[in-house]
Amino acid sequence: MLVKTLDNIENGKIQRIPQEGKVTIAPKIEKELSKINWDEKDAYQIKNLVRGLTPGLRNLYNIK
């Protein structure tokens, strides 16, 4: 599929479509965001937090 797509780009068979809307800049990910609050987040939220921050930041946690 990739080879076919690259061939189509090279041969001019693919039409470019500009993105709509304005460009936005995401805020810097601070170390504080990587702390997992196990008491306030459910498993789904924790999974998505870890997925979103990996591999950039290590997740910090405290075990009592």
PDB file of N, CA and C in Angstrom:
ATOM      1  N   MET A   1       0.818  -1.184   0.000  1.00  0.00           N
ATOM      2  CA  MET A   1       0.000   0.000   0.000  1.00  0.00           C
ATOM      3  C   MET A   1       0.871   1.262   0.000  1.00  0.00           C
ATOM      4  N   LEU A   2       1.936   1.250   0.787  1.00  0.00           N
ATOM      5  CA  LEU A   2       2.825   2.407   0.853  1.00  0.00           C
ATOM      6  C   LEU A   2       3.497   2.648  -0.489  1.00  0.00           C
ATOM      7  N   VAL A   3       3.966   1.587  -1.121  1.00  0.00           N
ATOM      8  CA  VAL A   3       4.639   1.722  -2.414  1.00  0.00           C
ATOM      9  C   VAL A   3       3.669   2.283  -3.451  1.00  0.00           C
ATOM     10  N   LYS A   4       2.429   1.789  -3.453  1.00  0.00           N
ATOM     11  CA  LYS A   4       1.423   2.271  -4.394  1.00  0.00           C
ATOM     12  C   LYS A   4       1.133   3.759  -4.150  1.00  0.00           C
ATOM     13  N   THR A   5       1.020   4.150  -2.895  1.00  0.00           N
ATOM     14  CA  THR A   5       0.768   5.552  -2.553  1.00  0.00           C
ATOM     15  C   THR A   5       1.920   6.437  -2.992  1.00  0.00           C
ATOM     16  N   LEU A   6       3.148   6.006  -2.722  1.00  0.00           N
ATOM     17  CA  LEU A   6       4.320   6.786  -3.148  1.00  0.00           C
ATOM     18  C   LEU A   6       4.384   6.909  -4.667  1.00  0.00           C
ATOM     19  N   ASP A   7       4.056   5.835  -5.384  1.00  0.00           N
ATOM     20  CA  ASP A   7       4.022   5.889  -6.847  1.00  0.00           C
ATOM     21  C   ASP A   7       2.972   6.892  -7.325  1.00  0.00           C
ATOM     22  N   ASN A   8       1.811   6.894  -6.687  1.00  0.00           N
ATOM     23  CA  ASN A   8       0.747   7.823  -7.064  1.00  0.00           C
ATOM     24  C   ASN A   8       1.147   9.273  -6.795  1.00  0.00           C
ATOM     25  N   ILE A   9       1.853   9.518  -5.715  1.00  0.00           N
ATOM     26  CA  ILE A   9       2.345  10.878  -5.429  1.00  0.00           C
ATOM     27  C   ILE A   9       3.340  11.297  -6.501  1.00  0.00           C
ATOM     28  N   GLU A  10       4.269  10.406  -6.820  1.00  0.00           N
ATOM     29  CA  GLU A  10       5.298  10.705  -7.813  1.00  0.00           C
ATOM     30  C   GLU A  10       4.705  10.971  -9.200  1.00  0.00           C
ATOM     31  N   ASN A  11       3.633  10.256  -9.528  1.00  0.00           N
ATOM     32  CA  ASN A  11       3.010  10.395 -10.850  1.00  0.00           C
ATOM     33  C   ASN A  11       1.935  11.484 -10.891  1.00  0.00           C
ATOM     34  N   GLY A  12       1.734  12.182  -9.782  1.00  0.00           N
ATOM     35  CA  GLY A  12       0.760  13.269  -9.754  1.00  0.00           C
ATOM     36  C   GLY A  12      -0.684  12.819  -9.737  1.00  0.00           C
ATOM     37  N   LYS A  13      -0.927  11.596  -9.327  1.00  0.00           N
ATOM     38  CA  LYS A  13      -2.294  11.056  -9.317  1.00  0.00           C
ATOM     39  C   LYS A  13      -3.046  11.355  -8.014  1.00  0.00           C
ATOM     40  N   ILE A  14      -2.355  11.901  -7.037  1.00  0.00           N
ATOM     41  CA  ILE A  14      -2.986  12.197  -5.754  1.00  0.00           C
ATOM     42  C   ILE A  14      -3.160  13.706  -5.635  1.00  0.00           C
ATOM     43  N   GLN A  15      -4.374  14.108  -5.307  1.00  0.00           N
ATOM     44  CA  GLN A  15      -4.691  15.523  -5.174  1.00  0.00           C
ATOM     45  C   GLN A  15      -4.398  15.984  -3.749  1.00  0.00           C
ATOM     46  N   ARG A  16      -3.682  17.095  -3.622  1.00  0.00           N
ATOM     47  CA  ARG A  16      -3.389  17.648  -2.312  1.00  0.00           C
ATOM     48  C   ARG A  16      -4.617  18.380  -1.782  1.00  0.00           C
ATOM     49  N   ILE A  17      -4.901  18.168  -0.513  1.00  0.00           N
ATOM     50  CA  ILE A  17      -6.022  18.845   0.130  1.00  0.00           C
ATOM     51  C   ILE A  17      -5.479  19.610   1.329  1.00  0.00           C
ATOM     52  N   PRO A  18      -5.562  20.951   1.305  1.00  0.00           N
ATOM     53  CA  PRO A  18      -5.045  21.715   2.447  1.00  0.00           C
ATOM     54  C   PRO A  18      -5.885  21.490   3.701  1.00  0.00           C
ATOM     55  N   GLN A  19      -5.233  21.543   4.847  1.00  0.00           N
ATOM     56  CA  GLN A  19      -5.945  21.394   6.112  1.00  0.00           C
ATOM     57  C   GLN A  19      -6.799  22.628   6.360  1.00  0.00           C
ATOM     58  N   GLU A  20      -7.914  22.409   7.023  1.00  0.00           N
ATOM     59  CA  GLU A  20      -8.796  23.516   7.362  1.00  0.00           C
ATOM     60  C   GLU A  20      -8.504  23.993   8.770  1.00  0.00           C
ATOM     61  N   GLY A  21      -8.805  25.254   9.027  1.00  0.00           N
ATOM     62  CA  GLY A  21      -8.628  25.791  10.367  1.00  0.00           C
ATOM     63  C   GLY A  21      -7.244  26.370  10.569  1.00  0.00           C
ATOM     64  N   LYS A  22      -7.082  26.975  11.710  1.00  0.00           N
ATOM     65  CA  LYS A  22      -5.810  27.612  12.039  1.00  0.00           C
ATOM     66  C   LYS A  22      -4.861  26.631  12.710  1.00  0.00           C
ATOM     67  N   VAL A  23      -3.604  26.957  12.606  1.00  0.00           N
ATOM     68  CA  VAL A  23      -2.576  26.167  13.275  1.00  0.00           C
ATOM     69  C   VAL A  23      -2.627  26.474  14.768  1.00  0.00           C
ATOM     70  N   THR A  24      -2.524  25.449  15.575  1.00  0.00           N
ATOM     71  CA  THR A  24      -2.478  25.656  17.025  1.00  0.00           C
ATOM     72  C   THR A  24      -1.198  25.048  17.566  1.00  0.00           C
ATOM     73  N   ILE A  25      -0.699  25.630  18.612  1.00  0.00           N
ATOM     74  CA  ILE A  25       0.517  25.132  19.242  1.00  0.00           C
ATOM     75  C   ILE A  25       0.130  24.501  20.574  1.00  0.00           C
ATOM     76  N   ALA A  26       0.541  23.276  20.752  1.00  0.00           N
ATOM     77  CA  ALA A  26       0.242  22.571  21.996  1.00  0.00           C
ATOM     78  C   ALA A  26       1.115  23.118  23.116  1.00  0.00           C
ATOM     79  N   PRO A  27       0.589  23.147  24.334  1.00  0.00           N
ATOM     80  CA  PRO A  27       1.402  23.620  25.447  1.00  0.00           C
ATOM     81  C   PRO A  27       2.533  22.632  25.752  1.00  0.00           C
ATOM     82  N   LYS A  28       3.589  23.144  26.345  1.00  0.00           N
ATOM     83  CA  LYS A  28       4.713  22.303  26.737  1.00  0.00           C
ATOM     84  C   LYS A  28       4.242  21.310  27.805  1.00  0.00           C
ATOM     85  N   ILE A  29       4.679  20.081  27.685  1.00  0.00           N
ATOM     86  CA  ILE A  29       4.326  19.059  28.673  1.00  0.00           C
ATOM     87  C   ILE A  29       5.288  19.191  29.842  1.00  0.00           C
ATOM     88  N   GLU A  30       4.765  19.560  30.969  1.00  0.00           N
ATOM     89  CA  GLU A  30       5.565  19.737  32.177  1.00  0.00           C
ATOM     90  C   GLU A  30       5.666  18.416  32.944  1.00  0.00           C
ATOM     91  N   LYS A  31       6.682  18.293  33.741  1.00  0.00           N
ATOM     92  CA  LYS A  31       6.919  17.083  34.523  1.00  0.00           C
ATOM     93  C   LYS A  31       5.729  16.778  35.452  1.00  0.00           C
ATOM     94  N   GLU A  32       5.081  17.814  35.948  1.00  0.00           N
ATOM     95  CA  GLU A  32       3.945  17.643  36.863  1.00  0.00           C
ATOM     96  C   GLU A  32       2.813  16.845  36.206  1.00  0.00           C
ATOM     97  N   LEU A  33       2.640  16.999  34.895  1.00  0.00           N
ATOM     98  CA  LEU A  33       1.581  16.290  34.185  1.00  0.00           C
ATOM     99  C   LEU A  33       1.797  14.777  34.199  1.00  0.00           C
ATOM    100  N   SER A  34       3.041  14.347  34.322  1.00  0.00           N
ATOM    101  CA  SER A  34       3.331  12.916  34.264  1.00  0.00           C
ATOM    102  C   SER A  34       3.076  12.189  35.576  1.00  0.00           C
ATOM    103  N   LYS A  35       2.740  12.930  36.610  1.00  0.00           N
ATOM    104  CA  LYS A  35       2.412  12.276  37.886  1.00  0.00           C
ATOM    105  C   LYS A  35       1.036  11.644  37.793  1.00  0.00           C
ATOM    106  N   ILE A  36       0.943  10.397  38.171  1.00  0.00           N
ATOM    107  CA  ILE A  36      -0.325   9.676  38.105  1.00  0.00           C
ATOM    108  C   ILE A  36      -0.994   9.724  39.472  1.00  0.00           C
ATOM    109  N   ASN A  37      -2.176  10.296  39.502  1.00  0.00           N
ATOM    110  CA  ASN A  37      -2.967  10.318  40.730  1.00  0.00           C
ATOM    111  C   ASN A  37      -3.881   9.095  40.697  1.00  0.00           C
ATOM    112  N   TRP A  38      -3.438   8.036  41.341  1.00  0.00           N
ATOM    113  CA  TRP A  38      -4.127   6.753  41.290  1.00  0.00           C
ATOM    114  C   TRP A  38      -5.513   6.808  41.945  1.00  0.00           C
ATOM    115  N   ASP A  39      -5.717   7.737  42.857  1.00  0.00           N
ATOM    116  CA  ASP A  39      -6.995   7.818  43.569  1.00  0.00           C
ATOM    117  C   ASP A  39      -8.069   8.560  42.783  1.00  0.00           C
ATOM    118  N   GLU A  40      -7.673   9.436  41.855  1.00  0.00           N
ATOM    119  CA  GLU A  40      -8.640  10.265  41.149  1.00  0.00           C
ATOM    120  C   GLU A  40      -8.861   9.848  39.696  1.00  0.00           C
ATOM    121  N   LYS A  41      -8.069   8.940  39.179  1.00  0.00           N
ATOM    122  CA  LYS A  41      -8.204   8.525  37.783  1.00  0.00           C
ATOM    123  C   LYS A  41      -8.584   7.055  37.709  1.00  0.00           C
ATOM    124  N   ASP A  42      -9.411   6.735  36.716  1.00  0.00           N
ATOM    125  CA  ASP A  42      -9.746   5.331  36.522  1.00  0.00           C
ATOM    126  C   ASP A  42      -8.720   4.693  35.577  1.00  0.00           C
ATOM    127  N   ALA A  43      -8.819   3.397  35.382  1.00  0.00           N
ATOM    128  CA  ALA A  43      -7.837   2.662  34.586  1.00  0.00           C
ATOM    129  C   ALA A  43      -7.757   3.188  33.156  1.00  0.00           C
ATOM    130  N   TYR A  44      -8.886   3.547  32.573  1.00  0.00           N
ATOM    131  CA  TYR A  44      -8.920   4.066  31.208  1.00  0.00           C
ATOM    132  C   TYR A  44      -8.150   5.382  31.103  1.00  0.00           C
ATOM    133  N   GLN A  45      -8.347   6.288  32.051  1.00  0.00           N
ATOM    134  CA  GLN A  45      -7.638   7.568  32.053  1.00  0.00           C
ATOM    135  C   GLN A  45      -6.140   7.377  32.257  1.00  0.00           C
ATOM    136  N   ILE A  46      -5.771   6.464  33.149  1.00  0.00           N
ATOM    137  CA  ILE A  46      -4.351   6.189  33.404  1.00  0.00           C
ATOM    138  C   ILE A  46      -3.697   5.601  32.162  1.00  0.00           C
ATOM    139  N   LYS A  47      -4.386   4.657  31.515  1.00  0.00           N
ATOM    140  CA  LYS A  47      -3.846   4.049  30.295  1.00  0.00           C
ATOM    141  C   LYS A  47      -3.597   5.125  29.227  1.00  0.00           C
ATOM    142  N   ASN A  48      -4.542   6.021  29.046  1.00  0.00           N
ATOM    143  CA  ASN A  48      -4.389   7.066  28.033  1.00  0.00           C
ATOM    144  C   ASN A  48      -3.310   8.077  28.413  1.00  0.00           C
ATOM    145  N   LEU A  49      -3.173   8.364  29.695  1.00  0.00           N
ATOM    146  CA  LEU A  49      -2.110   9.261  30.146  1.00  0.00           C
ATOM    147  C   LEU A  49      -0.743   8.652  29.832  1.00  0.00           C
ATOM    148  N   VAL A  50      -0.574   7.388  30.157  1.00  0.00           N
ATOM    149  CA  VAL A  50       0.696   6.704  29.902  1.00  0.00           C
ATOM    150  C   VAL A  50       0.970   6.643  28.401  1.00  0.00           C
ATOM    151  N   ARG A  51      -0.030   6.308  27.615  1.00  0.00           N
ATOM    152  CA  ARG A  51       0.136   6.252  26.157  1.00  0.00           C
ATOM    153  C   ARG A  51       0.509   7.617  25.594  1.00  0.00           C
ATOM    154  N   GLY A  52      -0.104   8.669  26.121  1.00  0.00           N
ATOM    155  CA  GLY A  52       0.151  10.009  25.618  1.00  0.00           C
ATOM    156  C   GLY A  52       1.515  10.550  25.968  1.00  0.00           C
ATOM    157  N   LEU A  53       2.079  10.096  27.067  1.00  0.00           N
ATOM    158  CA  LEU A  53       3.364  10.631  27.521  1.00  0.00           C
ATOM    159  C   LEU A  53       4.552   9.758  27.159  1.00  0.00           C
ATOM    160  N   THR A  54       4.322   8.552  26.724  1.00  0.00           N
ATOM    161  CA  THR A  54       5.405   7.641  26.406  1.00  0.00           C
ATOM    162  C   THR A  54       5.850   7.873  24.972  1.00  0.00           C
ATOM    163  N   PRO A  55       7.095   7.883  24.633  1.00  0.00           N
ATOM    164  CA  PRO A  55       8.258   7.630  25.450  1.00  0.00           C
ATOM    165  C   PRO A  55       8.887   8.895  25.997  1.00  0.00           C
ATOM    166  N   GLY A  56       8.266  10.043  25.784  1.00  0.00           N
ATOM    167  CA  GLY A  56       8.881  11.309  26.150  1.00  0.00           C
ATOM    168  C   GLY A  56       9.189  11.472  27.624  1.00  0.00           C
ATOM    169  N   LEU A  57       8.224  11.237  28.449  1.00  0.00           N
ATOM    170  CA  LEU A  57       8.423  11.409  29.890  1.00  0.00           C
ATOM    171  C   LEU A  57       8.200  10.090  30.598  1.00  0.00           C
ATOM    172  N   ARG A  58       8.917   9.893  31.654  1.00  0.00           N
ATOM    173  CA  ARG A  58       8.648   8.734  32.503  1.00  0.00           C
ATOM    174  C   ARG A  58       7.516   9.106  33.439  1.00  0.00           C
ATOM    175  N   ASN A  59       6.655   8.165  33.719  1.00  0.00           N
ATOM    176  CA  ASN A  59       5.553   8.427  34.623  1.00  0.00           C
ATOM    177  C   ASN A  59       6.013   8.277  36.058  1.00  0.00           C
ATOM    178  N   LEU A  60       5.634   9.245  36.852  1.00  0.00           N
ATOM    179  CA  LEU A  60       6.015   9.240  38.258  1.00  0.00           C
ATOM    180  C   LEU A  60       4.854   8.735  39.097  1.00  0.00           C
ATOM    181  N   TYR A  61       5.134   7.956  40.102  1.00  0.00           N
ATOM    182  CA  TYR A  61       4.075   7.491  40.972  1.00  0.00           C
ATOM    183  C   TYR A  61       4.633   7.320  42.371  1.00  0.00           C
ATOM    184  N   ASN A  62       3.736   7.370  43.324  1.00  0.00           N
ATOM    185  CA  ASN A  62       4.097   7.158  44.719  1.00  0.00           C
ATOM    186  C   ASN A  62       3.320   5.966  45.247  1.00  0.00           C
ATOM    187  N   ILE A  63       3.999   5.072  45.869  1.00  0.00           N
ATOM    188  CA  ILE A  63       3.339   3.936  46.502  1.00  0.00           C
ATOM    189  C   ILE A  63       3.415   4.155  48.011  1.00  0.00           C
ATOM    190  N   LYS A  64       2.250   4.147  48.632  1.00  0.00           N
ATOM    191  CA  LYS A  64       2.211   4.390  50.081  1.00  0.00           C
ATOM    192  C   LYS A  64       2.310   3.103  50.851  1.00  0.00           C
TER     193      LYS A  64
END
